[in-house]
Each structure stands twice: as C-alpha cells, then as structure tokens.
Amino acid sequence: MDAKNFCKAHLLIGILAGLVMLLTNVLQAVGFITPNAGLTFVAFIAWSCYFFSGCTPKDALISWSSFAVGIICAVIIFLCGSLFSGFGMNTAYVALPLAVVVGVIFMDLGEKLPFANRVSAIYLGAATFFGMMGIPAVAEKRYLLVAVAELVYAAIGFFSGYLTVKILNYFSPKA
C-alpha cells in the first residue's frame, strides 16, 4: 500500500474508531446497562481480538461465542469464590485462588467445544467480565445484564474489526 492509500485507509479507520466511541457513548447516555460507566473498552478489546482470531466473519463468530464461554467461566469463578468463602475459607488467600483453579479448568476445556473453542477469546471474555464487574455501577446490574452488555459491546468490536479489514483491502494493491 502506497503512502497516500495508507493515509486514506487509516484516516477511515480512525473515523471508524471515533464512531465506535460515539455509539458506545450514546448507549451509555440512554442508560444501556448504566449511564454511570463507559464500557467502550469492551468494544476495543473485541476489535483487537478480531485480528488474532483469523480476520474473517466466521472466526469473529467463533471468538464472540468464546467470549460467552469466558463469561460463563467468570460467573463460575464468582460463585465458587462465594461458596468457598461461605465455608469459612479466607477469601483472598484460599477461596478465590481455589475458585480460579476451578474456572481455569473450565476455560481450558473450552478448546473441546465444537464451536466456541478459541481459548484466547475465552480468557478475554472472562477477564473483560471481571473488569466490568469491578465497576460498581455495572456490577449492581448482576451477572445476566452484565453478560448481555459485554456481548453487545463485543459484537460492536468484532464488527469494527471486520470493517477495518474491508477498509484495508479496499486501499491495498490488487493482484
């Protein structure tokens, strides 16, 4: 790609990033999940995931589904942590580390799933869920709504990755 087309392509990608920011800000403003916390970071995490997932819509769908598996595993970790703490285990030094062991086993078993088997995306889905649950205004919405929010914002990100590839292909030399 020559310098002129490189600049055009990346200007459009920059505009796309600005539009993603605008869309996620509108979602926040209208109270999707909460008006008190921005969740744009979720879209950008998924956008980057598009590129190491294979850069095709099918790969994006596999990774998006893998995000859902990661969310389920994160919820398992939360529930196991609460359960183990309820048995009197020290939360920070025993209950949560044991809960993570359980969750990671399930996360790694994700590679055996017929469709949502992208382990890197499973881990990203879980980590993003933990990050979202660390925001009080989000966490108060409970697991299901936070999971829905993550998957909506991730879909925005994966679609942005798809558009990025389309933009780059448009401006790349044709063989």
C-alpha atoms as a PDB file:
ATOM      1  CA  MET A   1       0.000   0.000   0.000  1.00  0.00           C
ATOM      2  CA  ASP A   2       1.484   3.330  -1.004  1.00  0.00           C
ATOM      3  CA  ALA A   3       1.673   6.240   1.441  1.00  0.00           C
ATOM      4  CA  LYS A   4      -1.364   8.035   0.008  1.00  0.00           C
ATOM      5  CA  ASN A   5      -3.634   4.994   0.314  1.00  0.00           C
ATOM      6  CA  PHE A   6      -2.139   4.154   3.713  1.00  0.00           C
ATOM      7  CA  CYS A   7      -3.155   7.599   4.971  1.00  0.00           C
ATOM      8  CA  LYS A   8      -6.636   7.311   3.466  1.00  0.00           C
ATOM      9  CA  ALA A   9      -7.211   3.857   4.923  1.00  0.00           C
ATOM     10  CA  HIS A  10      -6.024   4.770   8.387  1.00  0.00           C
ATOM     11  CA  LEU A  11      -7.968   8.027   8.375  1.00  0.00           C
ATOM     12  CA  LEU A  12     -11.103   5.962   7.726  1.00  0.00           C
ATOM     13  CA  ILE A  13     -10.127   3.503  10.463  1.00  0.00           C
ATOM     14  CA  GLY A  14      -9.638   6.450  12.818  1.00  0.00           C
ATOM     15  CA  ILE A  15     -13.082   7.761  11.876  1.00  0.00           C
ATOM     16  CA  LEU A  16     -14.480   4.274  12.498  1.00  0.00           C
ATOM     17  CA  ALA A  17     -12.895   4.294  15.967  1.00  0.00           C
ATOM     18  CA  GLY A  18     -14.473   7.677  16.625  1.00  0.00           C
ATOM     19  CA  LEU A  19     -17.860   6.334  15.529  1.00  0.00           C
ATOM     20  CA  VAL A  20     -17.462   3.350  17.860  1.00  0.00           C
ATOM     21  CA  MET A  21     -16.714   5.776  20.675  1.00  0.00           C
ATOM     22  CA  LEU A  22     -19.780   7.844  19.745  1.00  0.00           C
ATOM     23  CA  LEU A  23     -22.027   4.767  19.577  1.00  0.00           C
ATOM     24  CA  THR A  24     -20.869   3.460  22.940  1.00  0.00           C
ATOM     25  CA  ASN A  25     -21.287   6.913  24.468  1.00  0.00           C
ATOM     26  CA  VAL A  26     -24.854   7.047  23.129  1.00  0.00           C
ATOM     27  CA  LEU A  27     -25.529   3.602  24.613  1.00  0.00           C
ATOM     28  CA  GLN A  28     -24.255   4.899  27.935  1.00  0.00           C
ATOM     29  CA  ALA A  29     -26.269   8.125  27.682  1.00  0.00           C
ATOM     30  CA  VAL A  30     -29.529   6.271  27.044  1.00  0.00           C
ATOM     31  CA  GLY A  31     -28.834   4.043  30.025  1.00  0.00           C
ATOM     32  CA  PHE A  32     -27.967   0.784  28.285  1.00  0.00           C
ATOM     33  CA  ILE A  33     -26.762  -1.116  31.343  1.00  0.00           C
ATOM     34  CA  THR A  34     -25.875   2.099  33.189  1.00  0.00           C
ATOM     35  CA  PRO A  35     -25.410   5.785  32.454  1.00  0.00           C
ATOM     36  CA  ASN A  36     -22.717   5.881  35.136  1.00  0.00           C
ATOM     37  CA  ALA A  37     -19.952   3.909  33.437  1.00  0.00           C
ATOM     38  CA  GLY A  38     -18.435   3.833  29.984  1.00  0.00           C
ATOM     39  CA  LEU A  39     -17.902   0.396  28.500  1.00  0.00           C
ATOM     40  CA  THR A  40     -16.163   1.382  25.277  1.00  0.00           C
ATOM     41  CA  PHE A  41     -13.116  -0.615  26.341  1.00  0.00           C
ATOM     42  CA  VAL A  42     -15.076  -3.828  25.757  1.00  0.00           C
ATOM     43  CA  ALA A  43     -15.597  -2.962  22.085  1.00  0.00           C
ATOM     44  CA  PHE A  44     -11.919  -2.175  21.629  1.00  0.00           C
ATOM     45  CA  ILE A  45     -10.842  -5.432  23.311  1.00  0.00           C
ATOM     46  CA  ALA A  46     -13.054  -7.388  20.903  1.00  0.00           C
ATOM     47  CA  TRP A  47     -11.856  -5.280  17.968  1.00  0.00           C
ATOM     48  CA  SER A  48      -8.274  -6.326  18.677  1.00  0.00           C
ATOM     49  CA  CYS A  49      -9.412  -9.928  19.157  1.00  0.00           C
ATOM     50  CA  TYR A  50     -10.726  -9.918  15.578  1.00  0.00           C
ATOM     51  CA  PHE A  51      -7.179  -9.666  14.265  1.00  0.00           C
ATOM     52  CA  PHE A  52      -5.663 -12.573  16.162  1.00  0.00           C
ATOM     53  CA  SER A  53      -8.781 -14.663  15.557  1.00  0.00           C
ATOM     54  CA  GLY A  54      -8.299 -15.003  11.823  1.00  0.00           C
ATOM     55  CA  CYS A  55      -9.859 -11.832  10.378  1.00  0.00           C
ATOM     56  CA  THR A  56     -12.964 -13.478   8.938  1.00  0.00           C
ATOM     57  CA  PRO A  57     -16.614 -13.198   9.961  1.00  0.00           C
ATOM     58  CA  LYS A  58     -16.672 -16.922  10.809  1.00  0.00           C
ATOM     59  CA  ASP A  59     -13.639 -16.514  13.072  1.00  0.00           C
ATOM     60  CA  ALA A  60     -15.271 -13.478  14.680  1.00  0.00           C
ATOM     61  CA  LEU A  61     -18.393 -15.501  15.434  1.00  0.00           C
ATOM     62  CA  ILE A  62     -16.293 -18.274  16.977  1.00  0.00           C
ATOM     63  CA  SER A  63     -14.445 -15.716  19.114  1.00  0.00           C
ATOM     64  CA  TRP A  64     -17.664 -13.917  20.083  1.00  0.00           C
ATOM     65  CA  SER A  65     -19.139 -17.261  21.154  1.00  0.00           C
ATOM     66  CA  SER A  66     -15.917 -17.960  23.022  1.00  0.00           C
ATOM     67  CA  PHE A  67     -16.369 -14.647  24.855  1.00  0.00           C
ATOM     68  CA  ALA A  68     -19.717 -16.049  26.052  1.00  0.00           C
ATOM     69  CA  VAL A  69     -17.976 -19.175  27.335  1.00  0.00           C
ATOM     70  CA  GLY A  70     -15.483 -16.940  29.133  1.00  0.00           C
ATOM     71  CA  ILE A  71     -18.338 -15.055  30.767  1.00  0.00           C
ATOM     72  CA  ILE A  72     -19.864 -18.314  31.985  1.00  0.00           C
ATOM     73  CA  CYS A  73     -16.496 -19.367  33.402  1.00  0.00           C
ATOM     74  CA  ALA A  74     -16.117 -15.989  35.127  1.00  0.00           C
ATOM     75  CA  VAL A  75     -19.528 -16.422  36.748  1.00  0.00           C
ATOM     76  CA  ILE A  76     -18.459 -19.898  37.880  1.00  0.00           C
ATOM     77  CA  ILE A  77     -15.388 -18.317  39.482  1.00  0.00           C
ATOM     78  CA  PHE A  78     -17.534 -15.711  41.253  1.00  0.00           C
ATOM     79  CA  LEU A  79     -19.967 -18.355  42.502  1.00  0.00           C
ATOM     80  CA  CYS A  80     -17.232 -20.746  43.633  1.00  0.00           C
ATOM     81  CA  GLY A  81     -15.453 -17.904  45.416  1.00  0.00           C
ATOM     82  CA  SER A  82     -18.636 -17.060  47.304  1.00  0.00           C
ATOM     83  CA  LEU A  83     -19.301 -20.716  48.065  1.00  0.00           C
ATOM     84  CA  PHE A  84     -15.793 -21.359  49.356  1.00  0.00           C
ATOM     85  CA  SER A  85     -15.856 -18.149  51.406  1.00  0.00           C
ATOM     86  CA  GLY A  86     -19.187 -19.273  52.833  1.00  0.00           C
ATOM     87  CA  PHE A  87     -17.470 -22.392  54.125  1.00  0.00           C
ATOM     88  CA  GLY A  88     -15.199 -20.137  56.160  1.00  0.00           C
ATOM     89  CA  MET A  89     -12.216 -20.134  53.825  1.00  0.00           C
ATOM     90  CA  ASN A  90     -10.141 -16.957  53.753  1.00  0.00           C
ATOM     91  CA  THR A  91     -11.443 -15.160  50.672  1.00  0.00           C
ATOM     92  CA  ALA A  92      -8.225 -13.616  49.364  1.00  0.00           C
ATOM     93  CA  TYR A  93      -5.811 -16.418  50.157  1.00  0.00           C
ATOM     94  CA  VAL A  94      -7.862 -19.598  49.781  1.00  0.00           C
ATOM     95  CA  ALA A  95     -11.392 -19.178  48.379  1.00  0.00           C
ATOM     96  CA  LEU A  96     -10.615 -17.032  45.332  1.00  0.00           C
ATOM     97  CA  PRO A  97      -7.456 -18.908  44.316  1.00  0.00           C
ATOM     98  CA  LEU A  98      -9.393 -22.193  44.513  1.00  0.00           C
ATOM     99  CA  ALA A  99     -12.264 -20.650  42.557  1.00  0.00           C
ATOM    100  CA  VAL A 100      -9.811 -19.576  39.863  1.00  0.00           C
ATOM    101  CA  VAL A 101      -8.462 -23.136  39.646  1.00  0.00           C
ATOM    102  CA  VAL A 102     -12.000 -24.387  39.004  1.00  0.00           C
ATOM    103  CA  GLY A 103     -12.741 -21.644  36.474  1.00  0.00           C
ATOM    104  CA  VAL A 104      -9.492 -22.065  34.570  1.00  0.00           C
ATOM    105  CA  ILE A 105     -10.099 -25.788  34.201  1.00  0.00           C
ATOM    106  CA  PHE A 106     -13.431 -24.985  32.548  1.00  0.00           C
ATOM    107  CA  MET A 107     -11.839 -22.235  30.450  1.00  0.00           C
ATOM    108  CA  ASP A 108      -9.196 -24.618  29.150  1.00  0.00           C
ATOM    109  CA  LEU A 109     -11.793 -27.319  28.476  1.00  0.00           C
ATOM    110  CA  GLY A 110     -13.382 -24.777  26.139  1.00  0.00           C
ATOM    111  CA  GLU A 111     -10.989 -25.900  23.419  1.00  0.00           C
ATOM    112  CA  LYS A 112     -13.031 -29.127  23.234  1.00  0.00           C
ATOM    113  CA  LEU A 113     -16.258 -27.298  22.419  1.00  0.00           C
ATOM    114  CA  PRO A 114     -17.433 -27.784  18.841  1.00  0.00           C
ATOM    115  CA  PHE A 115     -17.839 -24.089  18.103  1.00  0.00           C
ATOM    116  CA  ALA A 116     -16.825 -21.678  20.888  1.00  0.00           C
ATOM    117  CA  ASN A 117     -13.360 -23.154  21.211  1.00  0.00           C
ATOM    118  CA  ARG A 118     -10.995 -20.204  20.895  1.00  0.00           C
ATOM    119  CA  VAL A 119      -9.236 -20.344  24.264  1.00  0.00           C
ATOM    120  CA  SER A 120      -7.639 -16.897  23.937  1.00  0.00           C
ATOM    121  CA  ALA A 121     -11.085 -15.356  23.411  1.00  0.00           C
ATOM    122  CA  ILE A 122     -12.482 -17.392  26.320  1.00  0.00           C
ATOM    123  CA  TYR A 123      -9.833 -15.850  28.575  1.00  0.00           C
ATOM    124  CA  LEU A 124     -10.528 -12.374  27.174  1.00  0.00           C
ATOM    125  CA  GLY A 125     -14.253 -12.842  27.722  1.00  0.00           C
ATOM    126  CA  ALA A 126     -13.658 -13.849  31.334  1.00  0.00           C
ATOM    127  CA  ALA A 127     -11.125 -11.091  32.001  1.00  0.00           C
ATOM    128  CA  THR A 128     -13.390  -8.464  30.458  1.00  0.00           C
ATOM    129  CA  PHE A 129     -16.276  -9.686  32.601  1.00  0.00           C
ATOM    130  CA  PHE A 130     -14.099  -9.375  35.716  1.00  0.00           C
ATOM    131  CA  GLY A 131     -13.165  -5.855  34.651  1.00  0.00           C
ATOM    132  CA  MET A 132     -16.785  -4.899  34.119  1.00  0.00           C
ATOM    133  CA  MET A 133     -17.831  -6.397  37.456  1.00  0.00           C
ATOM    134  CA  GLY A 134     -15.158  -4.261  39.103  1.00  0.00           C
ATOM    135  CA  ILE A 135     -17.147  -1.154  38.159  1.00  0.00           C
ATOM    136  CA  PRO A 136     -19.755  -0.669  40.917  1.00  0.00           C
ATOM    137  CA  ALA A 137     -22.370   0.907  38.621  1.00  0.00           C
ATOM    138  CA  VAL A 138     -22.076  -2.104  36.316  1.00  0.00           C
ATOM    139  CA  ALA A 139     -21.774  -4.833  38.957  1.00  0.00           C
ATOM    140  CA  GLU A 140     -25.038  -3.770  40.579  1.00  0.00           C
ATOM    141  CA  LYS A 141     -26.814  -4.872  37.382  1.00  0.00           C
ATOM    142  CA  ARG A 142     -25.966  -8.504  38.195  1.00  0.00           C
ATOM    143  CA  TYR A 143     -24.460 -11.256  36.094  1.00  0.00           C
ATOM    144  CA  LEU A 144     -27.008 -11.643  33.301  1.00  0.00           C
ATOM    145  CA  LEU A 145     -27.259  -7.982  32.311  1.00  0.00           C
ATOM    146  CA  VAL A 146     -23.503  -7.534  32.529  1.00  0.00           C
ATOM    147  CA  ALA A 147     -23.064 -10.590  30.297  1.00  0.00           C
ATOM    148  CA  VAL A 148     -25.530  -9.168  27.764  1.00  0.00           C
ATOM    149  CA  ALA A 149     -23.714  -5.837  27.820  1.00  0.00           C
ATOM    150  CA  GLU A 150     -20.357  -7.488  27.263  1.00  0.00           C
ATOM    151  CA  LEU A 151     -21.664  -9.462  24.303  1.00  0.00           C
ATOM    152  CA  VAL A 152     -23.307  -6.388  22.745  1.00  0.00           C
ATOM    153  CA  TYR A 153     -20.169  -4.277  23.086  1.00  0.00           C
ATOM    154  CA  ALA A 154     -18.029  -7.201  21.879  1.00  0.00           C
ATOM    155  CA  ALA A 155     -20.237  -7.524  18.785  1.00  0.00           C
ATOM    156  CA  ILE A 156     -19.588  -3.845  18.056  1.00  0.00           C
ATOM    157  CA  GLY A 157     -15.869  -4.511  18.367  1.00  0.00           C
ATOM    158  CA  PHE A 158     -15.847  -7.605  16.176  1.00  0.00           C
ATOM    159  CA  PHE A 159     -17.874  -5.791  13.515  1.00  0.00           C
ATOM    160  CA  SER A 160     -15.389  -2.923  13.678  1.00  0.00           C
ATOM    161  CA  GLY A 161     -12.584  -5.406  13.077  1.00  0.00           C
ATOM    162  CA  TYR A 162     -14.447  -6.704  10.042  1.00  0.00           C
ATOM    163  CA  LEU A 163     -14.854  -3.164   8.697  1.00  0.00           C
ATOM    164  CA  THR A 164     -11.173  -2.451   9.339  1.00  0.00           C
ATOM    165  CA  VAL A 165     -10.168  -5.390   7.145  1.00  0.00           C
ATOM    166  CA  LYS A 166     -12.603  -4.245   4.436  1.00  0.00           C
ATOM    167  CA  ILE A 167     -11.100  -0.735   4.531  1.00  0.00           C
ATOM    168  CA  LEU A 168      -7.538  -2.058   4.356  1.00  0.00           C
ATOM    169  CA  ASN A 169      -8.398  -4.421   1.496  1.00  0.00           C
ATOM    170  CA  TYR A 170     -10.068  -1.611  -0.438  1.00  0.00           C
ATOM    171  CA  PHE A 171      -6.935   0.529  -0.315  1.00  0.00           C
ATOM    172  CA  SER A 172      -4.439  -2.315  -0.825  1.00  0.00           C
ATOM    173  CA  PRO A 173      -2.988  -3.016  -4.255  1.00  0.00           C
ATOM    174  CA  LYS A 174      -4.979  -5.576  -6.228  1.00  0.00           C
ATOM    175  CA  ALA A 175      -3.083  -8.582  -7.574  1.00  0.00           C
END
